[in-house]
Amino acid sequence: MAVPIKTIKKQQLTEEQLKEQKLENLKQLLSENEDTVNQVFILMAELNNIGALEAATNLLEAKEEVAHIALDQLSRKPVTNIINNLMGAAGALSNLDPETTTKLIDSLNFGLDEANKALAADEKVSVFKLAKTLKDPDVNRAVNFGIHFLKGLGKGLK
């Protein structure tokens, strides 16, 4: 009968053997992904030709200075105003009903088309014609909308 194993010796690779094993793994990866490696080298060559690699290297070397400049620029009053305005606008837009907004934008586009046609016609508007136009249901609807919009705006500004 065989002698039972009482100790297991773990095979320790030397540093040279580890380097050789890593090199073999790298060779295998390169041979399996030859097209990808070629594309990476082509990409790097192009980036180097246009100076992008040098710019990126310089940017990384000056990262602390660049970060300081970027933070200084972002903390300027106009930039913080823009950020606050964008956040306020986003909040306001999130409160609007999408169907109403779509209808309003479509109406604005239609109104702009009609206004451009009227500009092309180059007709003069008299006071009598203006009063007569108010009887048009479409014009009356728009004027009524405008009046109530201004009333709501005024209440909001109070």
N, C-alpha and C. Protein backbone atom coordinates (compact mmCIF):
# COMPACT_ATOMS: atom_id res chain seq x y z
N MET A 1 0.84 -1.17 0.00
CA MET A 1 0.00 0.00 0.00
C MET A 1 0.88 1.24 0.00
N ALA A 2 0.35 2.30 -0.58
CA ALA A 2 1.14 3.53 -0.71
C ALA A 2 1.13 4.28 0.61
N VAL A 3 2.12 5.12 0.75
CA VAL A 3 2.25 5.95 1.94
C VAL A 3 1.32 7.16 1.78
N PRO A 4 0.51 7.46 2.80
CA PRO A 4 -0.40 8.61 2.68
C PRO A 4 0.39 9.92 2.58
N ILE A 5 -0.22 10.86 1.80
CA ILE A 5 0.40 12.18 1.65
C ILE A 5 0.04 13.00 2.87
N LYS A 6 1.05 13.52 3.52
CA LYS A 6 0.83 14.30 4.72
C LYS A 6 1.05 15.79 4.47
N THR A 7 1.84 16.12 3.51
CA THR A 7 2.08 17.54 3.20
C THR A 7 1.98 17.73 1.69
N ILE A 8 1.46 18.90 1.34
CA ILE A 8 1.37 19.25 -0.08
C ILE A 8 2.33 20.41 -0.30
N LYS A 9 3.20 20.20 -1.22
CA LYS A 9 4.16 21.25 -1.54
C LYS A 9 3.62 22.06 -2.71
N LYS A 10 3.44 23.32 -2.46
CA LYS A 10 2.96 24.22 -3.51
C LYS A 10 4.16 24.59 -4.37
N GLN A 11 3.97 24.47 -5.67
CA GLN A 11 5.07 24.77 -6.56
C GLN A 11 5.23 26.28 -6.65
N GLN A 12 6.36 26.77 -6.28
CA GLN A 12 6.67 28.19 -6.31
C GLN A 12 7.40 28.49 -7.62
N LEU A 13 6.80 29.39 -8.40
CA LEU A 13 7.45 29.78 -9.65
C LEU A 13 8.44 30.90 -9.35
N THR A 14 9.52 30.84 -10.04
CA THR A 14 10.51 31.92 -9.87
C THR A 14 10.02 33.14 -10.61
N GLU A 15 10.66 34.25 -10.33
CA GLU A 15 10.26 35.50 -10.99
C GLU A 15 10.46 35.37 -12.50
N GLU A 16 11.49 34.72 -12.91
CA GLU A 16 11.76 34.50 -14.33
C GLU A 16 10.67 33.64 -14.96
N GLN A 17 10.22 32.61 -14.26
CA GLN A 17 9.15 31.74 -14.77
C GLN A 17 7.83 32.51 -14.87
N LEU A 18 7.55 33.39 -13.88
CA LEU A 18 6.34 34.21 -13.92
C LEU A 18 6.37 35.14 -15.13
N LYS A 19 7.52 35.76 -15.38
CA LYS A 19 7.65 36.66 -16.53
C LYS A 19 7.44 35.90 -17.83
N GLU A 20 8.00 34.71 -17.91
CA GLU A 20 7.86 33.88 -19.10
C GLU A 20 6.40 33.48 -19.32
N GLN A 21 5.71 33.15 -18.23
CA GLN A 21 4.30 32.77 -18.33
C GLN A 21 3.45 33.97 -18.78
N LYS A 22 3.71 35.14 -18.24
CA LYS A 22 2.98 36.35 -18.64
C LYS A 22 3.25 36.68 -20.10
N LEU A 23 4.49 36.50 -20.52
CA LEU A 23 4.84 36.76 -21.92
C LEU A 23 4.12 35.80 -22.86
N GLU A 24 4.01 34.55 -22.48
CA GLU A 24 3.28 33.57 -23.28
C GLU A 24 1.79 33.92 -23.37
N ASN A 25 1.21 34.35 -22.21
CA ASN A 25 -0.20 34.77 -22.21
C ASN A 25 -0.41 35.96 -23.13
N LEU A 26 0.52 36.91 -23.10
CA LEU A 26 0.43 38.09 -23.94
C LEU A 26 0.55 37.72 -25.41
N LYS A 27 1.46 36.81 -25.74
CA LYS A 27 1.61 36.35 -27.12
C LYS A 27 0.31 35.71 -27.61
N GLN A 28 -0.29 34.91 -26.75
CA GLN A 28 -1.54 34.24 -27.13
C GLN A 28 -2.64 35.27 -27.36
N LEU A 29 -2.76 36.25 -26.47
CA LEU A 29 -3.78 37.30 -26.63
C LEU A 29 -3.56 38.08 -27.92
N LEU A 30 -2.31 38.42 -28.21
CA LEU A 30 -2.01 39.17 -29.43
C LEU A 30 -2.36 38.38 -30.67
N SER A 31 -2.04 37.09 -30.67
CA SER A 31 -2.33 36.27 -31.85
C SER A 31 -3.84 36.05 -32.03
N GLU A 32 -4.58 35.97 -30.94
CA GLU A 32 -6.03 35.77 -31.03
C GLU A 32 -6.76 37.04 -31.44
N ASN A 33 -6.18 38.21 -31.15
CA ASN A 33 -6.85 39.49 -31.41
C ASN A 33 -6.01 40.38 -32.33
N GLU A 34 -5.45 39.79 -33.36
CA GLU A 34 -4.54 40.51 -34.25
C GLU A 34 -5.21 41.72 -34.90
N ASP A 35 -6.44 41.56 -35.40
CA ASP A 35 -7.14 42.67 -36.07
C ASP A 35 -7.38 43.83 -35.11
N THR A 36 -7.80 43.50 -33.91
CA THR A 36 -8.07 44.54 -32.91
C THR A 36 -6.79 45.28 -32.55
N VAL A 37 -5.70 44.55 -32.38
CA VAL A 37 -4.43 45.18 -32.03
C VAL A 37 -3.97 46.09 -33.16
N ASN A 38 -4.13 45.65 -34.41
CA ASN A 38 -3.76 46.49 -35.55
C ASN A 38 -4.58 47.77 -35.58
N GLN A 39 -5.88 47.66 -35.31
CA GLN A 39 -6.74 48.85 -35.29
C GLN A 39 -6.34 49.81 -34.19
N VAL A 40 -5.96 49.29 -33.03
CA VAL A 40 -5.51 50.14 -31.93
C VAL A 40 -4.26 50.90 -32.33
N PHE A 41 -3.32 50.21 -32.98
CA PHE A 41 -2.08 50.88 -33.40
C PHE A 41 -2.36 51.94 -34.47
N ILE A 42 -3.28 51.66 -35.39
CA ILE A 42 -3.64 52.64 -36.41
C ILE A 42 -4.28 53.86 -35.75
N LEU A 43 -5.17 53.61 -34.79
CA LEU A 43 -5.82 54.70 -34.07
C LEU A 43 -4.79 55.55 -33.32
N MET A 44 -3.88 54.89 -32.65
CA MET A 44 -2.85 55.61 -31.89
C MET A 44 -1.96 56.44 -32.83
N ALA A 45 -1.62 55.87 -33.99
CA ALA A 45 -0.80 56.59 -34.95
C ALA A 45 -1.52 57.85 -35.44
N GLU A 46 -2.80 57.72 -35.72
CA GLU A 46 -3.58 58.89 -36.18
C GLU A 46 -3.67 59.95 -35.08
N LEU A 47 -3.93 59.52 -33.84
CA LEU A 47 -3.99 60.47 -32.73
C LEU A 47 -2.64 61.16 -32.54
N ASN A 48 -1.57 60.42 -32.73
CA ASN A 48 -0.23 61.00 -32.61
C ASN A 48 0.03 62.00 -33.74
N ASN A 49 -0.41 61.67 -34.96
CA ASN A 49 -0.19 62.56 -36.10
C ASN A 49 -0.88 63.91 -35.93
N ILE A 50 -2.06 63.92 -35.33
CA ILE A 50 -2.77 65.19 -35.17
C ILE A 50 -2.40 65.89 -33.86
N GLY A 51 -1.52 65.28 -33.07
CA GLY A 51 -1.06 65.91 -31.84
C GLY A 51 -1.95 65.67 -30.63
N ALA A 52 -2.94 64.81 -30.79
CA ALA A 52 -3.88 64.57 -29.68
C ALA A 52 -3.22 63.83 -28.53
N LEU A 53 -2.30 62.92 -28.84
CA LEU A 53 -1.63 62.18 -27.76
C LEU A 53 -0.76 63.12 -26.93
N GLU A 54 -0.05 64.02 -27.59
CA GLU A 54 0.79 64.97 -26.86
C GLU A 54 -0.08 65.88 -26.00
N ALA A 55 -1.20 66.33 -26.55
CA ALA A 55 -2.11 67.19 -25.78
C ALA A 55 -2.66 66.44 -24.57
N ALA A 56 -3.05 65.19 -24.76
CA ALA A 56 -3.58 64.40 -23.65
C ALA A 56 -2.52 64.17 -22.59
N THR A 57 -1.28 63.91 -23.03
CA THR A 57 -0.18 63.71 -22.09
C THR A 57 0.07 64.97 -21.28
N ASN A 58 0.12 66.10 -21.96
CA ASN A 58 0.33 67.37 -21.25
C ASN A 58 -0.81 67.68 -20.29
N LEU A 59 -2.02 67.35 -20.71
CA LEU A 59 -3.19 67.57 -19.86
C LEU A 59 -3.10 66.72 -18.61
N LEU A 60 -2.70 65.47 -18.77
CA LEU A 60 -2.57 64.59 -17.60
C LEU A 60 -1.44 65.04 -16.68
N GLU A 61 -0.35 65.55 -17.27
CA GLU A 61 0.76 66.01 -16.44
C GLU A 61 0.35 67.24 -15.62
N ALA A 62 -0.53 68.05 -16.17
CA ALA A 62 -0.95 69.27 -15.49
C ALA A 62 -2.33 69.12 -14.87
N LYS A 63 -2.70 67.91 -14.46
CA LYS A 63 -4.06 67.64 -14.01
C LYS A 63 -4.50 68.49 -12.83
N GLU A 64 -3.61 68.73 -11.87
CA GLU A 64 -4.01 69.53 -10.72
C GLU A 64 -4.28 70.97 -11.12
N GLU A 65 -3.42 71.50 -11.96
CA GLU A 65 -3.60 72.89 -12.42
C GLU A 65 -4.88 73.01 -13.26
N VAL A 66 -5.10 72.02 -14.12
CA VAL A 66 -6.30 72.03 -14.97
C VAL A 66 -7.56 71.92 -14.10
N ALA A 67 -7.54 71.05 -13.11
CA ALA A 67 -8.69 70.89 -12.22
C ALA A 67 -8.97 72.19 -11.47
N HIS A 68 -7.91 72.87 -11.04
CA HIS A 68 -8.07 74.13 -10.32
C HIS A 68 -8.70 75.19 -11.23
N ILE A 69 -8.23 75.27 -12.47
CA ILE A 69 -8.79 76.24 -13.43
C ILE A 69 -10.25 75.91 -13.72
N ALA A 70 -10.55 74.62 -13.93
CA ALA A 70 -11.93 74.21 -14.24
C ALA A 70 -12.86 74.55 -13.09
N LEU A 71 -12.43 74.28 -11.86
CA LEU A 71 -13.26 74.61 -10.70
C LEU A 71 -13.46 76.11 -10.56
N ASP A 72 -12.41 76.89 -10.82
CA ASP A 72 -12.55 78.34 -10.77
C ASP A 72 -13.56 78.83 -11.79
N GLN A 73 -13.51 78.25 -13.00
CA GLN A 73 -14.44 78.67 -14.05
C GLN A 73 -15.88 78.26 -13.72
N LEU A 74 -16.03 77.06 -13.16
CA LEU A 74 -17.38 76.58 -12.84
C LEU A 74 -18.01 77.33 -11.67
N SER A 75 -17.19 77.90 -10.80
CA SER A 75 -17.74 78.60 -9.65
C SER A 75 -17.98 80.08 -9.91
N ARG A 76 -17.74 80.55 -11.14
CA ARG A 76 -18.02 81.94 -11.49
C ARG A 76 -19.52 82.19 -11.48
N LYS A 77 -19.91 83.42 -11.15
CA LYS A 77 -21.32 83.79 -11.03
C LYS A 77 -22.13 83.50 -12.29
N PRO A 78 -21.65 83.86 -13.51
CA PRO A 78 -22.46 83.54 -14.70
C PRO A 78 -22.71 82.05 -14.89
N VAL A 79 -21.71 81.23 -14.57
CA VAL A 79 -21.87 79.79 -14.75
C VAL A 79 -22.86 79.24 -13.74
N THR A 80 -22.75 79.68 -12.49
CA THR A 80 -23.72 79.21 -11.49
C THR A 80 -25.12 79.69 -11.82
N ASN A 81 -25.23 80.89 -12.41
CA ASN A 81 -26.55 81.37 -12.84
C ASN A 81 -27.12 80.47 -13.94
N ILE A 82 -26.27 80.09 -14.89
CA ILE A 82 -26.74 79.21 -15.97
C ILE A 82 -27.21 77.88 -15.39
N ILE A 83 -26.43 77.32 -14.49
CA ILE A 83 -26.80 76.03 -13.89
C ILE A 83 -28.11 76.15 -13.13
N ASN A 84 -28.25 77.23 -12.34
CA ASN A 84 -29.50 77.43 -11.59
C ASN A 84 -30.68 77.64 -12.53
N ASN A 85 -30.48 78.40 -13.62
CA ASN A 85 -31.56 78.63 -14.58
C ASN A 85 -31.95 77.33 -15.28
N LEU A 86 -30.96 76.51 -15.64
CA LEU A 86 -31.27 75.23 -16.28
C LEU A 86 -32.05 74.32 -15.34
N MET A 87 -31.65 74.31 -14.07
CA MET A 87 -32.37 73.49 -13.10
C MET A 87 -33.79 74.01 -12.91
N GLY A 88 -33.96 75.33 -12.86
CA GLY A 88 -35.30 75.90 -12.73
C GLY A 88 -36.16 75.61 -13.95
N ALA A 89 -35.56 75.74 -15.15
CA ALA A 89 -36.30 75.45 -16.37
C ALA A 89 -36.68 73.97 -16.44
N ALA A 90 -35.76 73.10 -16.04
CA ALA A 90 -36.06 71.67 -16.04
C ALA A 90 -37.20 71.37 -15.07
N GLY A 91 -37.18 72.01 -13.91
CA GLY A 91 -38.27 71.82 -12.94
C GLY A 91 -39.59 72.30 -13.49
N ALA A 92 -39.56 73.47 -14.15
CA ALA A 92 -40.80 74.01 -14.73
C ALA A 92 -41.31 73.11 -15.85
N LEU A 93 -40.40 72.63 -16.70
CA LEU A 93 -40.82 71.75 -17.79
C LEU A 93 -41.38 70.43 -17.28
N SER A 94 -40.86 69.95 -16.16
CA SER A 94 -41.37 68.69 -15.63
C SER A 94 -42.77 68.85 -15.08
N ASN A 95 -43.18 70.08 -14.75
CA ASN A 95 -44.53 70.32 -14.24
C ASN A 95 -45.56 70.50 -15.36
N LEU A 96 -45.10 70.75 -16.58
CA LEU A 96 -46.02 70.99 -17.70
C LEU A 96 -46.58 69.68 -18.23
N ASP A 97 -47.83 69.76 -18.69
CA ASP A 97 -48.48 68.61 -19.31
C ASP A 97 -47.93 68.47 -20.73
N PRO A 98 -47.35 67.33 -21.08
CA PRO A 98 -46.75 67.17 -22.41
C PRO A 98 -47.73 67.38 -23.55
N GLU A 99 -48.98 66.96 -23.38
CA GLU A 99 -49.97 67.15 -24.45
C GLU A 99 -50.25 68.63 -24.68
N THR A 100 -50.36 69.39 -23.59
CA THR A 100 -50.61 70.83 -23.72
C THR A 100 -49.42 71.51 -24.37
N THR A 101 -48.21 71.11 -23.97
CA THR A 101 -47.00 71.71 -24.55
C THR A 101 -46.93 71.41 -26.05
N THR A 102 -47.22 70.18 -26.43
CA THR A 102 -47.20 69.80 -27.85
C THR A 102 -48.23 70.60 -28.63
N LYS A 103 -49.41 70.71 -28.07
CA LYS A 103 -50.48 71.46 -28.74
C LYS A 103 -50.08 72.93 -28.89
N LEU A 104 -49.48 73.51 -27.85
CA LEU A 104 -49.05 74.90 -27.90
C LEU A 104 -47.96 75.11 -28.94
N ILE A 105 -47.00 74.21 -29.00
CA ILE A 105 -45.90 74.34 -29.98
C ILE A 105 -46.42 74.17 -31.40
N ASP A 106 -47.32 73.20 -31.59
CA ASP A 106 -47.92 73.03 -32.92
C ASP A 106 -48.71 74.28 -33.33
N SER A 107 -49.43 74.86 -32.37
CA SER A 107 -50.19 76.08 -32.65
C SER A 107 -49.26 77.24 -32.99
N LEU A 108 -48.15 77.34 -32.26
CA LEU A 108 -47.17 78.39 -32.55
C LEU A 108 -46.61 78.24 -33.96
N ASN A 109 -46.29 77.01 -34.36
CA ASN A 109 -45.78 76.77 -35.71
C ASN A 109 -46.80 77.14 -36.77
N PHE A 110 -48.06 76.75 -36.53
CA PHE A 110 -49.12 77.08 -37.47
C PHE A 110 -49.30 78.60 -37.54
N GLY A 111 -49.26 79.25 -36.38
CA GLY A 111 -49.39 80.71 -36.34
C GLY A 111 -48.24 81.40 -37.07
N LEU A 112 -47.04 80.89 -36.94
CA LEU A 112 -45.89 81.47 -37.65
C LEU A 112 -46.05 81.32 -39.16
N ASP A 113 -46.58 80.17 -39.60
CA ASP A 113 -46.83 79.99 -41.03
C ASP A 113 -47.84 81.01 -41.54
N GLU A 114 -48.92 81.20 -40.79
CA GLU A 114 -49.95 82.18 -41.18
C GLU A 114 -49.37 83.60 -41.19
N ALA A 115 -48.54 83.91 -40.19
CA ALA A 115 -47.94 85.24 -40.13
C ALA A 115 -47.01 85.49 -41.31
N ASN A 116 -46.26 84.48 -41.72
CA ASN A 116 -45.37 84.62 -42.87
C ASN A 116 -46.16 84.82 -44.16
N LYS A 117 -47.31 84.14 -44.28
CA LYS A 117 -48.17 84.35 -45.45
C LYS A 117 -48.68 85.78 -45.48
N ALA A 118 -49.06 86.30 -44.31
CA ALA A 118 -49.58 87.67 -44.23
C ALA A 118 -48.47 88.67 -44.56
N LEU A 119 -47.26 88.40 -44.15
CA LEU A 119 -46.14 89.28 -44.49
C LEU A 119 -45.90 89.30 -46.00
N ALA A 120 -46.04 88.15 -46.62
CA ALA A 120 -45.83 88.06 -48.06
C ALA A 120 -46.91 88.84 -48.81
N ALA A 121 -48.13 88.85 -48.28
CA ALA A 121 -49.25 89.57 -48.92
C ALA A 121 -49.08 91.07 -48.77
N ASP A 122 -48.42 91.53 -47.73
CA ASP A 122 -48.13 92.95 -47.48
C ASP A 122 -49.40 93.81 -47.49
N GLU A 123 -50.44 93.34 -46.79
CA GLU A 123 -51.69 94.09 -46.68
C GLU A 123 -51.63 95.04 -45.49
N LYS A 124 -52.32 96.17 -45.62
CA LYS A 124 -52.42 97.10 -44.49
C LYS A 124 -53.63 96.71 -43.65
N VAL A 125 -53.47 96.88 -42.34
CA VAL A 125 -54.57 96.55 -41.43
C VAL A 125 -55.14 97.86 -40.91
N SER A 126 -56.42 98.07 -41.18
CA SER A 126 -57.09 99.27 -40.68
C SER A 126 -57.74 98.96 -39.34
N VAL A 127 -58.18 100.00 -38.65
CA VAL A 127 -58.83 99.82 -37.37
C VAL A 127 -60.13 99.04 -37.57
N PHE A 128 -60.84 99.33 -38.63
CA PHE A 128 -62.09 98.61 -38.92
C PHE A 128 -61.81 97.12 -39.17
N LYS A 129 -60.74 96.83 -39.94
CA LYS A 129 -60.40 95.44 -40.23
C LYS A 129 -59.96 94.72 -38.95
N LEU A 130 -59.27 95.43 -38.05
CA LEU A 130 -58.84 94.84 -36.79
C LEU A 130 -60.05 94.46 -35.94
N ALA A 131 -61.04 95.37 -35.86
CA ALA A 131 -62.25 95.09 -35.08
C ALA A 131 -63.01 93.92 -35.70
N LYS A 132 -63.07 93.87 -37.04
CA LYS A 132 -63.75 92.79 -37.73
C LYS A 132 -63.04 91.46 -37.49
N THR A 133 -61.70 91.49 -37.42
CA THR A 133 -60.91 90.28 -37.21
C THR A 133 -61.18 89.67 -35.85
N LEU A 134 -61.50 90.51 -34.85
CA LEU A 134 -61.78 89.98 -33.52
C LEU A 134 -63.03 89.10 -33.49
N LYS A 135 -63.89 89.22 -34.50
CA LYS A 135 -65.08 88.39 -34.58
C LYS A 135 -64.76 86.99 -35.12
N ASP A 136 -63.58 86.84 -35.73
CA ASP A 136 -63.14 85.52 -36.23
C ASP A 136 -62.94 84.60 -35.02
N PRO A 137 -63.55 83.41 -35.00
CA PRO A 137 -63.44 82.51 -33.84
C PRO A 137 -61.99 82.12 -33.51
N ASP A 138 -61.16 81.93 -34.54
CA ASP A 138 -59.76 81.56 -34.29
C ASP A 138 -59.00 82.71 -33.63
N VAL A 139 -59.21 83.91 -34.13
CA VAL A 139 -58.55 85.08 -33.54
C VAL A 139 -59.07 85.31 -32.13
N ASN A 140 -60.37 85.19 -31.94
CA ASN A 140 -60.96 85.40 -30.63
C ASN A 140 -60.42 84.38 -29.62
N ARG A 141 -60.27 83.13 -30.07
CA ARG A 141 -59.72 82.10 -29.20
C ARG A 141 -58.29 82.45 -28.79
N ALA A 142 -57.48 82.93 -29.73
CA ALA A 142 -56.09 83.28 -29.44
C ALA A 142 -56.02 84.49 -28.51
N VAL A 143 -56.87 85.49 -28.74
CA VAL A 143 -56.88 86.68 -27.88
C VAL A 143 -57.34 86.30 -26.48
N ASN A 144 -58.37 85.46 -26.38
CA ASN A 144 -58.86 84.99 -25.09
C ASN A 144 -57.76 84.23 -24.35
N PHE A 145 -57.05 83.37 -25.07
CA PHE A 145 -55.93 82.62 -24.48
C PHE A 145 -54.86 83.60 -23.98
N GLY A 146 -54.53 84.58 -24.80
CA GLY A 146 -53.51 85.57 -24.43
C GLY A 146 -53.90 86.38 -23.21
N ILE A 147 -55.14 86.78 -23.14
CA ILE A 147 -55.61 87.57 -21.99
C ILE A 147 -55.52 86.74 -20.71
N HIS A 148 -55.99 85.51 -20.77
CA HIS A 148 -55.94 84.67 -19.58
C HIS A 148 -54.50 84.27 -19.22
N PHE A 149 -53.67 84.11 -20.25
CA PHE A 149 -52.25 83.84 -19.98
C PHE A 149 -51.63 85.02 -19.24
N LEU A 150 -51.90 86.23 -19.72
CA LEU A 150 -51.35 87.42 -19.06
C LEU A 150 -51.90 87.58 -17.64
N LYS A 151 -53.17 87.23 -17.43
CA LYS A 151 -53.75 87.30 -16.11
C LYS A 151 -53.06 86.33 -15.17
N GLY A 152 -52.84 85.09 -15.62
CA GLY A 152 -52.14 84.10 -14.81
C GLY A 152 -50.69 84.51 -14.56
N LEU A 153 -50.04 85.06 -15.55
CA LEU A 153 -48.67 85.55 -15.39
C LEU A 153 -48.61 86.64 -14.33
N GLY A 154 -49.58 87.54 -14.39
CA GLY A 154 -49.63 88.62 -13.39
C GLY A 154 -49.83 88.08 -11.98
N LYS A 155 -50.70 87.08 -11.85
CA LYS A 155 -50.91 86.47 -10.52
C LYS A 155 -49.64 85.81 -10.02
N GLY A 156 -48.93 85.17 -10.93
CA GLY A 156 -47.68 84.51 -10.56
C GLY A 156 -46.61 85.50 -10.17
N LEU A 157 -46.63 86.68 -10.77
CA LEU A 157 -45.63 87.71 -10.47
C LEU A 157 -45.93 88.47 -9.18
N LYS A 158 -47.16 88.34 -8.67
CA LYS A 158 -47.59 89.07 -7.48
C LYS A 158 -46.78 88.71 -6.27
